[in-house]
């Protein structure tokens, strides 16, 4: 199944609130990039930045080639796992953003085989407004997330462009495949790429 999440700017147009398909707030994203000794992006469970931290992202500068993603609250637990998202470049293609995580195996009943193995690599790729759908505007902030092993698109982000001052865009995320932290990882990784590039506005 696929889950839909809507991303809205907060009143100060810096942070985000993320709502479910019924427009009920489920996440808050706090953006403090380039502030000393704080994560650049934090994901919170709820409608406010004072709600529990689910994950954080750090990048040393907008020119660095990688982003570090923590699944959990690094301020409360120094043992939370971190994952590195690395930008890869090809002279003929736009930059892609790759990361590898441990994922549980699951059974594909249609094909009678196990899929989704430990050490699965995913790639965020910039995408066209046609591919991501949802009435997306033409933008460098339209993304699709591809499972490198299967070639399947497992998440998309459609940027709202100039379609509205308040709404940033919409995620569609494949559910029930890659484990409990999967949704948090998708949200943090994509929104961190956008923030790192200075595209939060």
N, C-alpha and C. Protein backbone atom coordinates (compact mmCIF):
# COMPACT_ATOMS: atom_id res chain seq x y z
N UNK A 1 0.84 -1.19 0.00
CA UNK A 1 0.00 0.00 0.00
C UNK A 1 0.88 1.25 0.00
N UNK A 2 0.27 2.36 -0.34
CA UNK A 2 1.00 3.63 -0.41
C UNK A 2 0.36 4.65 0.53
N UNK A 3 1.20 5.34 1.28
CA UNK A 3 0.73 6.34 2.24
C UNK A 3 0.98 7.74 1.69
N UNK A 4 0.02 8.63 1.88
CA UNK A 4 0.14 10.02 1.45
C UNK A 4 0.35 10.93 2.66
N UNK A 5 1.35 11.80 2.58
CA UNK A 5 1.62 12.78 3.63
C UNK A 5 1.80 14.15 2.98
N UNK A 6 1.13 15.16 3.53
CA UNK A 6 1.20 16.52 3.01
C UNK A 6 2.14 17.37 3.86
N UNK A 7 2.93 18.20 3.20
CA UNK A 7 3.93 19.03 3.89
C UNK A 7 3.53 20.50 3.76
N UNK A 8 3.41 21.17 4.91
CA UNK A 8 3.01 22.58 4.94
C UNK A 8 4.08 23.41 5.64
N UNK A 9 4.27 24.63 5.15
CA UNK A 9 5.09 25.59 5.87
C UNK A 9 4.38 26.02 7.15
N UNK A 10 5.15 26.27 8.20
CA UNK A 10 4.57 26.85 9.41
C UNK A 10 4.40 28.35 9.22
N UNK A 11 3.88 29.02 10.24
CA UNK A 11 3.58 30.45 10.13
C UNK A 11 4.82 31.27 9.78
N UNK A 12 5.99 30.86 10.29
CA UNK A 12 7.22 31.62 10.02
C UNK A 12 7.92 31.16 8.75
N UNK A 13 7.31 30.21 8.04
CA UNK A 13 7.79 29.77 6.73
C UNK A 13 9.18 29.15 6.78
N UNK A 14 9.59 28.67 7.94
CA UNK A 14 10.91 28.06 8.06
C UNK A 14 10.80 26.56 8.33
N UNK A 15 9.93 26.20 9.27
CA UNK A 15 9.72 24.80 9.61
C UNK A 15 8.56 24.22 8.80
N UNK A 16 8.29 22.93 9.00
CA UNK A 16 7.19 22.26 8.31
C UNK A 16 6.31 21.51 9.30
N UNK A 17 5.02 21.44 9.00
CA UNK A 17 4.12 20.47 9.63
C UNK A 17 3.71 19.48 8.55
N UNK A 18 3.69 18.22 8.94
CA UNK A 18 3.32 17.17 8.01
C UNK A 18 2.03 16.54 8.49
N UNK A 19 1.06 16.42 7.58
CA UNK A 19 -0.25 15.88 7.94
C UNK A 19 -0.52 14.60 7.15
N UNK A 20 -1.44 13.79 7.68
CA UNK A 20 -1.86 12.59 6.96
C UNK A 20 -2.89 12.96 5.90
N UNK A 21 -3.44 11.95 5.25
CA UNK A 21 -4.39 12.21 4.16
C UNK A 21 -5.66 12.90 4.64
N UNK A 22 -5.93 12.82 5.96
CA UNK A 22 -7.07 13.52 6.54
C UNK A 22 -6.72 14.90 7.07
N UNK A 23 -5.50 15.37 6.75
CA UNK A 23 -4.97 16.67 7.18
C UNK A 23 -4.85 16.80 8.70
N UNK A 24 -4.63 15.67 9.38
CA UNK A 24 -4.32 15.69 10.81
C UNK A 24 -2.81 15.74 10.99
N UNK A 25 -2.28 16.67 11.81
CA UNK A 25 -0.83 16.78 11.99
C UNK A 25 -0.24 15.50 12.60
N UNK A 26 0.83 15.00 11.98
CA UNK A 26 1.49 13.79 12.49
C UNK A 26 2.98 14.00 12.74
N UNK A 27 3.59 14.98 12.07
CA UNK A 27 5.01 15.26 12.26
C UNK A 27 5.26 16.77 12.24
N UNK A 28 6.35 17.15 12.92
CA UNK A 28 6.85 18.53 12.83
C UNK A 28 8.32 18.44 12.44
N UNK A 29 8.73 19.27 11.49
CA UNK A 29 10.12 19.29 11.03
C UNK A 29 10.72 20.65 11.37
N UNK A 30 11.76 20.63 12.20
CA UNK A 30 12.44 21.86 12.64
C UNK A 30 13.72 22.02 11.83
N UNK A 31 13.86 23.17 11.17
CA UNK A 31 15.03 23.44 10.34
C UNK A 31 15.90 24.51 10.98
N UNK A 32 17.09 24.09 11.42
CA UNK A 32 18.05 25.01 12.04
C UNK A 32 19.40 24.87 11.36
N UNK A 33 19.40 24.74 10.04
CA UNK A 33 20.64 24.43 9.37
C UNK A 33 21.68 25.53 9.56
N UNK A 34 22.91 25.03 9.74
CA UNK A 34 24.09 25.86 9.93
C UNK A 34 24.10 26.59 11.27
N UNK A 35 23.30 26.12 12.25
CA UNK A 35 23.41 26.60 13.63
C UNK A 35 24.44 25.73 14.36
N UNK A 36 25.31 26.36 15.11
CA UNK A 36 26.41 25.65 15.77
C UNK A 36 25.88 24.67 16.82
N UNK A 37 26.42 23.46 16.81
CA UNK A 37 26.16 22.43 17.84
C UNK A 37 24.71 21.97 17.91
N UNK A 38 23.98 22.10 16.83
CA UNK A 38 22.60 21.58 16.78
C UNK A 38 22.42 20.85 15.45
N UNK A 39 21.55 19.83 15.41
CA UNK A 39 21.24 19.20 14.12
C UNK A 39 20.66 20.23 13.16
N UNK A 40 20.91 20.03 11.89
CA UNK A 40 20.38 20.96 10.89
C UNK A 40 18.87 20.77 10.69
N UNK A 41 18.42 19.53 10.80
CA UNK A 41 17.00 19.20 10.64
C UNK A 41 16.62 18.17 11.69
N UNK A 42 15.49 18.37 12.37
CA UNK A 42 14.98 17.35 13.29
C UNK A 42 13.53 17.04 12.96
N UNK A 43 13.18 15.76 13.12
CA UNK A 43 11.82 15.28 12.87
C UNK A 43 11.18 14.93 14.20
N UNK A 44 9.98 15.49 14.45
CA UNK A 44 9.29 15.30 15.73
C UNK A 44 7.95 14.60 15.51
N UNK A 45 7.57 13.78 16.48
CA UNK A 45 6.30 13.04 16.42
C UNK A 45 5.20 13.91 17.00
N UNK A 46 4.46 14.61 16.16
CA UNK A 46 3.40 15.48 16.65
C UNK A 46 3.33 16.76 15.85
N UNK A 47 2.67 17.76 16.41
CA UNK A 47 2.42 18.99 15.67
C UNK A 47 3.33 20.14 16.07
N UNK A 48 4.23 19.93 17.05
CA UNK A 48 5.09 21.01 17.53
C UNK A 48 6.53 20.53 17.66
N UNK A 49 7.47 21.49 17.66
CA UNK A 49 8.88 21.13 17.77
C UNK A 49 9.27 20.70 19.18
N UNK A 50 8.38 20.86 20.14
CA UNK A 50 8.63 20.37 21.50
C UNK A 50 8.23 18.91 21.66
N UNK A 51 7.61 18.33 20.64
CA UNK A 51 7.22 16.92 20.70
C UNK A 51 8.44 16.01 20.55
N UNK A 52 8.33 14.72 20.92
CA UNK A 52 9.49 13.82 20.93
C UNK A 52 10.22 13.77 19.58
N UNK A 53 11.54 13.71 19.65
CA UNK A 53 12.39 13.66 18.46
C UNK A 53 12.47 12.24 17.92
N UNK A 54 12.18 12.09 16.65
CA UNK A 54 12.24 10.78 15.98
C UNK A 54 13.52 10.59 15.19
N UNK A 55 14.16 11.70 14.82
CA UNK A 55 15.37 11.60 14.02
C UNK A 55 15.95 12.97 13.77
N UNK A 56 17.18 12.99 13.26
CA UNK A 56 17.88 14.25 13.02
C UNK A 56 18.81 14.10 11.82
N UNK A 57 19.14 15.23 11.21
CA UNK A 57 20.08 15.24 10.09
C UNK A 57 21.11 16.33 10.30
N UNK A 58 22.34 16.03 9.88
CA UNK A 58 23.44 16.99 9.99
C UNK A 58 24.21 17.03 8.68
N UNK A 59 24.55 18.25 8.26
CA UNK A 59 25.44 18.42 7.11
C UNK A 59 26.34 19.61 7.41
N UNK A 60 27.63 19.46 7.10
CA UNK A 60 28.62 20.45 7.53
C UNK A 60 28.47 21.77 6.79
N UNK A 61 28.07 21.72 5.53
CA UNK A 61 27.85 22.94 4.75
C UNK A 61 27.02 22.58 3.53
N UNK A 62 26.52 23.60 2.86
CA UNK A 62 25.71 23.34 1.67
C UNK A 62 26.55 22.79 0.53
N UNK A 63 27.90 22.86 0.67
CA UNK A 63 28.78 22.37 -0.38
C UNK A 63 29.29 20.95 -0.12
N UNK A 64 28.99 20.40 1.05
CA UNK A 64 29.46 19.05 1.37
C UNK A 64 28.70 18.03 0.51
N UNK A 65 29.32 16.86 0.33
CA UNK A 65 28.74 15.84 -0.54
C UNK A 65 27.90 14.82 0.23
N UNK A 66 27.78 14.98 1.54
CA UNK A 66 27.03 13.98 2.30
C UNK A 66 26.17 14.61 3.38
N UNK A 67 25.17 13.85 3.81
CA UNK A 67 24.29 14.20 4.92
C UNK A 67 24.26 13.00 5.84
N UNK A 68 24.34 13.25 7.15
CA UNK A 68 24.24 12.17 8.13
C UNK A 68 22.85 12.19 8.75
N UNK A 69 22.17 11.05 8.73
CA UNK A 69 20.81 10.91 9.25
C UNK A 69 20.82 10.00 10.47
N UNK A 70 20.27 10.48 11.59
CA UNK A 70 20.12 9.66 12.80
C UNK A 70 18.67 9.24 12.93
N UNK A 71 18.45 7.96 13.20
CA UNK A 71 17.10 7.47 13.47
C UNK A 71 16.95 7.30 14.97
N UNK A 72 16.31 8.29 15.60
CA UNK A 72 16.24 8.38 17.04
C UNK A 72 16.67 9.77 17.46
N UNK A 73 16.76 10.00 18.76
CA UNK A 73 17.13 11.30 19.29
C UNK A 73 18.60 11.28 19.70
N UNK A 74 19.50 11.85 18.89
CA UNK A 74 20.93 11.82 19.24
C UNK A 74 21.25 12.64 20.48
N UNK A 75 20.38 13.58 20.83
CA UNK A 75 20.60 14.37 22.03
C UNK A 75 20.34 13.59 23.30
N UNK A 76 19.51 12.56 23.22
CA UNK A 76 19.16 11.76 24.39
C UNK A 76 19.87 10.42 24.42
N UNK A 77 20.36 9.96 23.27
CA UNK A 77 20.98 8.63 23.19
C UNK A 77 22.12 8.67 22.19
N UNK A 78 23.33 8.54 22.68
CA UNK A 78 24.51 8.62 21.80
C UNK A 78 24.66 7.38 20.93
N UNK A 79 23.87 6.33 21.19
CA UNK A 79 23.99 5.08 20.44
C UNK A 79 23.00 4.96 19.28
N UNK A 80 22.30 6.02 18.95
CA UNK A 80 21.35 5.92 17.84
C UNK A 80 22.11 5.67 16.54
N UNK A 81 21.53 4.87 15.64
CA UNK A 81 22.22 4.58 14.37
C UNK A 81 22.20 5.79 13.43
N UNK A 82 23.31 5.99 12.75
CA UNK A 82 23.43 7.06 11.76
C UNK A 82 23.60 6.43 10.37
N UNK A 83 23.06 7.10 9.37
CA UNK A 83 23.18 6.65 7.99
C UNK A 83 23.68 7.82 7.14
N UNK A 84 24.60 7.53 6.24
CA UNK A 84 25.19 8.57 5.39
C UNK A 84 24.52 8.58 4.02
N UNK A 85 24.07 9.75 3.61
CA UNK A 85 23.55 9.95 2.26
C UNK A 85 24.64 10.65 1.46
N UNK A 86 25.09 10.04 0.39
CA UNK A 86 26.22 10.56 -0.38
C UNK A 86 25.75 10.99 -1.77
N UNK A 87 26.15 12.18 -2.17
CA UNK A 87 25.83 12.66 -3.51
C UNK A 87 26.78 12.02 -4.52
N UNK A 88 26.23 11.45 -5.55
CA UNK A 88 27.04 10.90 -6.64
C UNK A 88 26.77 11.73 -7.89
N UNK A 89 27.80 11.96 -8.66
CA UNK A 89 27.67 12.81 -9.84
C UNK A 89 28.08 12.06 -11.09
N UNK A 90 27.40 12.35 -12.16
CA UNK A 90 27.70 11.81 -13.47
C UNK A 90 27.63 12.98 -14.45
N UNK A 91 28.66 13.18 -15.28
CA UNK A 91 28.66 14.33 -16.19
C UNK A 91 27.43 14.39 -17.09
N UNK A 92 26.81 13.23 -17.33
CA UNK A 92 25.66 13.20 -18.23
C UNK A 92 24.32 13.27 -17.51
N UNK A 93 24.36 13.17 -16.18
CA UNK A 93 23.13 13.11 -15.40
C UNK A 93 23.16 14.14 -14.27
N UNK A 94 21.97 14.44 -13.73
CA UNK A 94 21.91 15.25 -12.53
C UNK A 94 22.41 14.44 -11.34
N UNK A 95 22.80 15.16 -10.29
CA UNK A 95 23.27 14.48 -9.08
C UNK A 95 22.20 13.53 -8.54
N UNK A 96 22.67 12.40 -8.01
CA UNK A 96 21.81 11.46 -7.31
C UNK A 96 22.32 11.33 -5.89
N UNK A 97 21.46 10.86 -4.98
CA UNK A 97 21.79 10.84 -3.56
C UNK A 97 21.52 9.44 -3.03
N UNK A 98 22.57 8.76 -2.62
CA UNK A 98 22.51 7.33 -2.35
C UNK A 98 22.77 7.03 -0.88
N UNK A 99 22.02 6.07 -0.32
CA UNK A 99 22.29 5.59 1.03
C UNK A 99 21.92 4.12 1.13
N UNK A 100 22.57 3.43 2.08
CA UNK A 100 22.34 2.01 2.29
C UNK A 100 21.91 1.77 3.72
N UNK A 101 20.85 1.01 3.92
CA UNK A 101 20.35 0.71 5.27
C UNK A 101 20.02 -0.77 5.36
N UNK A 102 20.02 -1.28 6.58
CA UNK A 102 19.58 -2.65 6.82
C UNK A 102 18.06 -2.68 6.78
N UNK A 103 17.51 -3.60 6.01
CA UNK A 103 16.06 -3.73 5.92
C UNK A 103 15.67 -5.18 6.16
N UNK A 104 14.48 -5.41 6.73
CA UNK A 104 14.04 -6.79 6.97
C UNK A 104 13.69 -7.48 5.66
N UNK A 105 13.86 -8.78 5.63
CA UNK A 105 13.40 -9.54 4.46
C UNK A 105 11.87 -9.64 4.51
N UNK A 106 11.25 -9.64 3.39
CA UNK A 106 9.81 -9.84 3.35
C UNK A 106 9.49 -10.76 2.18
N UNK A 107 8.32 -11.35 2.22
CA UNK A 107 7.98 -12.36 1.22
C UNK A 107 7.06 -11.77 0.16
N UNK A 108 7.48 -11.86 -1.07
CA UNK A 108 6.69 -11.41 -2.20
C UNK A 108 5.82 -12.58 -2.66
N UNK A 109 4.56 -12.60 -2.21
CA UNK A 109 3.69 -13.75 -2.48
C UNK A 109 3.39 -13.90 -3.97
N UNK A 110 3.41 -12.78 -4.69
CA UNK A 110 3.09 -12.84 -6.12
C UNK A 110 4.16 -13.60 -6.90
N UNK A 111 5.42 -13.50 -6.42
CA UNK A 111 6.51 -14.14 -7.15
C UNK A 111 7.14 -15.29 -6.36
N UNK A 112 6.63 -15.53 -5.13
CA UNK A 112 7.11 -16.65 -4.35
C UNK A 112 8.57 -16.55 -3.95
N UNK A 113 9.04 -15.34 -3.66
CA UNK A 113 10.43 -15.19 -3.29
C UNK A 113 10.59 -14.11 -2.23
N UNK A 114 11.70 -14.19 -1.51
CA UNK A 114 12.01 -13.19 -0.49
C UNK A 114 12.69 -12.00 -1.15
N UNK A 115 12.33 -10.80 -0.69
CA UNK A 115 12.93 -9.58 -1.21
C UNK A 115 13.26 -8.68 -0.01
N UNK A 116 13.88 -7.54 -0.28
CA UNK A 116 14.16 -6.58 0.78
C UNK A 116 15.18 -7.11 1.76
N UNK A 117 16.41 -7.26 1.32
CA UNK A 117 17.46 -7.90 2.11
C UNK A 117 18.23 -6.89 2.95
N UNK A 118 19.04 -7.40 3.86
CA UNK A 118 19.91 -6.55 4.66
C UNK A 118 20.88 -5.82 3.74
N UNK A 119 21.10 -4.55 4.01
CA UNK A 119 22.02 -3.78 3.20
C UNK A 119 21.41 -3.31 1.90
N UNK A 120 20.16 -2.84 1.94
CA UNK A 120 19.49 -2.35 0.75
C UNK A 120 19.93 -0.92 0.45
N UNK A 121 20.24 -0.65 -0.81
CA UNK A 121 20.67 0.69 -1.23
C UNK A 121 19.52 1.40 -1.94
N UNK A 122 19.32 2.66 -1.56
CA UNK A 122 18.28 3.50 -2.14
C UNK A 122 18.91 4.74 -2.75
N UNK A 123 18.26 5.28 -3.76
CA UNK A 123 18.78 6.46 -4.45
C UNK A 123 17.65 7.48 -4.62
N UNK A 124 17.87 8.69 -4.08
CA UNK A 124 16.97 9.80 -4.38
C UNK A 124 17.40 10.39 -5.73
N UNK A 125 16.45 10.51 -6.64
CA UNK A 125 16.71 11.09 -7.95
C UNK A 125 15.74 12.23 -8.19
N UNK A 126 16.25 13.32 -8.77
CA UNK A 126 15.33 14.37 -9.19
C UNK A 126 14.45 13.82 -10.31
N UNK A 127 13.21 14.28 -10.30
CA UNK A 127 12.23 13.67 -11.19
C UNK A 127 11.39 14.75 -11.85
N UNK A 128 10.66 14.36 -12.87
CA UNK A 128 9.79 15.31 -13.56
C UNK A 128 8.45 15.42 -12.85
N UNK A 129 7.76 16.51 -13.13
CA UNK A 129 6.45 16.70 -12.52
C UNK A 129 5.47 15.62 -13.00
N UNK A 130 5.69 15.09 -14.20
CA UNK A 130 4.84 14.02 -14.72
C UNK A 130 5.03 12.73 -13.93
N UNK A 131 6.29 12.41 -13.60
CA UNK A 131 6.58 11.16 -12.88
C UNK A 131 6.03 11.17 -11.46
N UNK A 132 6.19 12.31 -10.76
CA UNK A 132 5.76 12.33 -9.35
C UNK A 132 4.27 12.60 -9.21
N UNK A 133 3.64 13.19 -10.24
CA UNK A 133 2.20 13.39 -10.21
C UNK A 133 1.76 14.42 -9.18
N UNK A 134 0.56 14.28 -8.69
CA UNK A 134 -0.01 15.16 -7.65
C UNK A 134 -0.05 16.62 -8.06
N UNK A 135 -0.10 16.91 -9.35
CA UNK A 135 -0.15 18.29 -9.80
C UNK A 135 1.10 19.06 -9.50
N UNK A 136 2.24 18.37 -9.44
CA UNK A 136 3.50 19.01 -9.08
C UNK A 136 3.88 20.07 -10.11
N UNK A 137 4.56 21.10 -9.61
CA UNK A 137 5.10 22.13 -10.49
C UNK A 137 6.44 21.67 -11.04
N UNK A 138 6.88 22.28 -12.14
CA UNK A 138 8.22 22.01 -12.65
C UNK A 138 9.22 22.54 -11.63
N UNK A 139 10.08 21.67 -11.11
CA UNK A 139 10.95 22.07 -10.01
C UNK A 139 12.09 21.08 -9.85
N UNK A 140 13.24 21.57 -9.36
CA UNK A 140 14.35 20.70 -8.99
C UNK A 140 14.08 20.01 -7.66
N UNK A 141 12.94 20.31 -7.04
CA UNK A 141 12.59 19.70 -5.76
C UNK A 141 11.56 18.57 -5.91
N UNK A 142 11.34 18.11 -7.12
CA UNK A 142 10.55 16.89 -7.32
C UNK A 142 11.51 15.70 -7.27
N UNK A 143 11.23 14.75 -6.39
CA UNK A 143 12.14 13.62 -6.20
C UNK A 143 11.38 12.29 -6.25
N UNK A 144 12.11 11.26 -6.68
CA UNK A 144 11.63 9.88 -6.50
C UNK A 144 12.74 9.08 -5.83
N UNK A 145 12.34 8.14 -4.98
CA UNK A 145 13.29 7.28 -4.27
C UNK A 145 13.20 5.88 -4.87
N UNK A 146 14.35 5.39 -5.33
CA UNK A 146 14.39 4.11 -6.05
C UNK A 146 15.18 3.09 -5.24
N UNK A 147 14.64 1.88 -5.13
CA UNK A 147 15.37 0.74 -4.58
C UNK A 147 16.35 0.29 -5.66
N UNK A 148 17.65 0.43 -5.40
CA UNK A 148 18.65 0.14 -6.43
C UNK A 148 18.59 -1.31 -6.88
N UNK A 149 18.29 -2.21 -5.96
CA UNK A 149 18.28 -3.63 -6.28
C UNK A 149 17.14 -4.05 -7.18
N UNK A 150 15.97 -3.45 -7.00
CA UNK A 150 14.79 -3.85 -7.77
C UNK A 150 14.42 -2.86 -8.87
N UNK A 151 14.94 -1.62 -8.76
CA UNK A 151 14.56 -0.59 -9.71
C UNK A 151 13.20 0.02 -9.44
N UNK A 152 12.55 -0.41 -8.37
CA UNK A 152 11.20 0.07 -8.06
C UNK A 152 11.25 1.45 -7.39
N UNK A 153 10.30 2.30 -7.73
CA UNK A 153 10.13 3.57 -7.04
C UNK A 153 9.35 3.31 -5.76
N UNK A 154 9.95 3.66 -4.61
CA UNK A 154 9.34 3.33 -3.32
C UNK A 154 8.84 4.57 -2.57
N UNK A 155 9.12 5.76 -3.10
CA UNK A 155 8.59 7.00 -2.52
C UNK A 155 8.75 8.11 -3.54
N UNK A 156 7.88 9.11 -3.45
CA UNK A 156 8.01 10.30 -4.28
C UNK A 156 7.74 11.54 -3.43
N UNK A 157 8.31 12.66 -3.86
CA UNK A 157 7.96 13.96 -3.28
C UNK A 157 7.62 14.89 -4.43
N UNK A 158 6.41 15.43 -4.41
CA UNK A 158 5.94 16.36 -5.44
C UNK A 158 5.93 17.76 -4.86
N UNK A 159 6.76 18.63 -5.40
CA UNK A 159 6.84 20.01 -4.91
C UNK A 159 5.65 20.82 -5.42
N UNK A 160 5.08 21.63 -4.54
CA UNK A 160 3.88 22.39 -4.88
C UNK A 160 4.20 23.64 -5.69
N UNK A 161 5.48 24.04 -5.71
CA UNK A 161 5.89 25.22 -6.47
C UNK A 161 5.15 26.46 -6.05
N UNK A 162 4.63 27.18 -7.02
CA UNK A 162 3.90 28.42 -6.75
C UNK A 162 2.40 28.18 -6.60
N UNK A 163 2.03 26.91 -6.43
CA UNK A 163 0.61 26.58 -6.33
C UNK A 163 -0.04 27.04 -5.05
N UNK A 164 0.75 27.44 -4.08
CA UNK A 164 0.19 27.94 -2.83
C UNK A 164 1.32 28.32 -1.89
N UNK A 165 1.14 29.40 -1.15
CA UNK A 165 2.21 29.88 -0.28
C UNK A 165 2.42 28.94 0.89
N UNK A 166 1.36 28.31 1.34
CA UNK A 166 1.45 27.52 2.57
C UNK A 166 1.91 26.08 2.33
N UNK A 167 1.43 25.45 1.28
CA UNK A 167 1.74 24.03 1.08
C UNK A 167 3.07 23.86 0.35
N UNK A 168 3.95 23.04 0.94
CA UNK A 168 5.25 22.78 0.34
C UNK A 168 5.17 21.67 -0.69
N UNK A 169 4.48 20.58 -0.37
CA UNK A 169 4.40 19.47 -1.31
C UNK A 169 3.76 18.25 -0.69
N UNK A 170 3.94 17.11 -1.37
CA UNK A 170 3.28 15.88 -0.93
C UNK A 170 4.20 14.68 -1.13
N UNK A 171 4.26 13.83 -0.08
CA UNK A 171 4.97 12.56 -0.17
C UNK A 171 3.97 11.44 -0.47
N UNK A 172 4.42 10.47 -1.24
CA UNK A 172 3.75 9.18 -1.35
C UNK A 172 4.80 8.12 -1.05
N UNK A 173 4.53 7.28 -0.05
CA UNK A 173 5.53 6.35 0.48
C UNK A 173 4.96 4.94 0.51
N UNK A 174 5.70 3.99 -0.05
CA UNK A 174 5.32 2.59 0.02
C UNK A 174 5.42 2.13 1.47
N UNK A 175 4.37 1.47 1.96
CA UNK A 175 4.31 1.01 3.36
C UNK A 175 4.52 -0.49 3.46
N UNK A 176 4.89 -0.92 4.68
CA UNK A 176 4.89 -2.33 5.02
C UNK A 176 5.96 -3.17 4.37
N UNK A 177 7.07 -2.53 3.96
CA UNK A 177 8.11 -3.26 3.26
C UNK A 177 9.45 -3.20 3.97
N UNK A 178 9.86 -2.02 4.40
CA UNK A 178 11.24 -1.81 4.80
C UNK A 178 11.46 -1.59 6.30
N UNK A 179 10.48 -1.85 7.13
CA UNK A 179 10.71 -1.78 8.57
C UNK A 179 10.13 -0.53 9.22
N UNK A 180 10.24 -0.48 10.56
CA UNK A 180 9.55 0.52 11.35
C UNK A 180 10.03 1.94 11.19
N UNK A 181 11.32 2.14 10.90
CA UNK A 181 11.85 3.51 10.77
C UNK A 181 11.82 4.01 9.34
N UNK A 182 11.26 3.24 8.45
CA UNK A 182 11.30 3.56 7.03
C UNK A 182 10.70 4.93 6.72
N UNK A 183 9.51 5.19 7.23
CA UNK A 183 8.84 6.47 6.95
C UNK A 183 9.67 7.64 7.46
N UNK A 184 10.22 7.52 8.66
CA UNK A 184 11.05 8.59 9.22
C UNK A 184 12.27 8.85 8.35
N UNK A 185 12.88 7.78 7.86
CA UNK A 185 14.06 7.90 7.02
C UNK A 185 13.74 8.59 5.70
N UNK A 186 12.63 8.25 5.10
CA UNK A 186 12.22 8.88 3.84
C UNK A 186 12.01 10.38 4.04
N UNK A 187 11.26 10.75 5.07
CA UNK A 187 10.97 12.16 5.32
C UNK A 187 12.24 12.95 5.60
N UNK A 188 13.05 12.44 6.51
CA UNK A 188 14.28 13.15 6.90
C UNK A 188 15.24 13.29 5.73
N UNK A 189 15.43 12.23 4.98
CA UNK A 189 16.42 12.28 3.90
C UNK A 189 16.01 13.26 2.81
N UNK A 190 14.77 13.21 2.38
CA UNK A 190 14.33 14.10 1.30
C UNK A 190 14.29 15.56 1.74
N UNK A 191 13.70 15.84 2.90
CA UNK A 191 13.60 17.23 3.35
C UNK A 191 14.97 17.79 3.68
N UNK A 192 15.91 16.96 4.11
CA UNK A 192 17.27 17.43 4.36
C UNK A 192 17.97 17.81 3.06
N UNK A 193 17.74 17.03 2.00
CA UNK A 193 18.30 17.39 0.70
C UNK A 193 17.79 18.75 0.24
N UNK A 194 16.50 18.99 0.44
CA UNK A 194 15.91 20.27 0.04
C UNK A 194 16.46 21.41 0.88
N UNK A 195 16.56 21.20 2.20
CA UNK A 195 17.08 22.25 3.07
C UNK A 195 18.56 22.53 2.80
N UNK A 196 19.32 21.49 2.59
CA UNK A 196 20.76 21.66 2.35
C UNK A 196 21.01 22.49 1.09
N UNK A 197 20.14 22.32 0.11
CA UNK A 197 20.27 23.07 -1.13
C UNK A 197 19.70 24.48 -1.02
N UNK A 198 19.18 24.83 0.17
CA UNK A 198 18.62 26.16 0.36
C UNK A 198 17.25 26.31 -0.24
N UNK A 199 16.54 25.18 -0.38
CA UNK A 199 15.26 25.22 -1.06
C UNK A 199 14.06 25.15 -0.16
N UNK A 200 14.21 25.54 1.10
CA UNK A 200 13.08 25.43 2.01
C UNK A 200 12.00 26.44 1.77
N UNK A 201 12.36 27.56 1.16
CA UNK A 201 11.38 28.63 0.98
C UNK A 201 10.41 28.31 -0.13
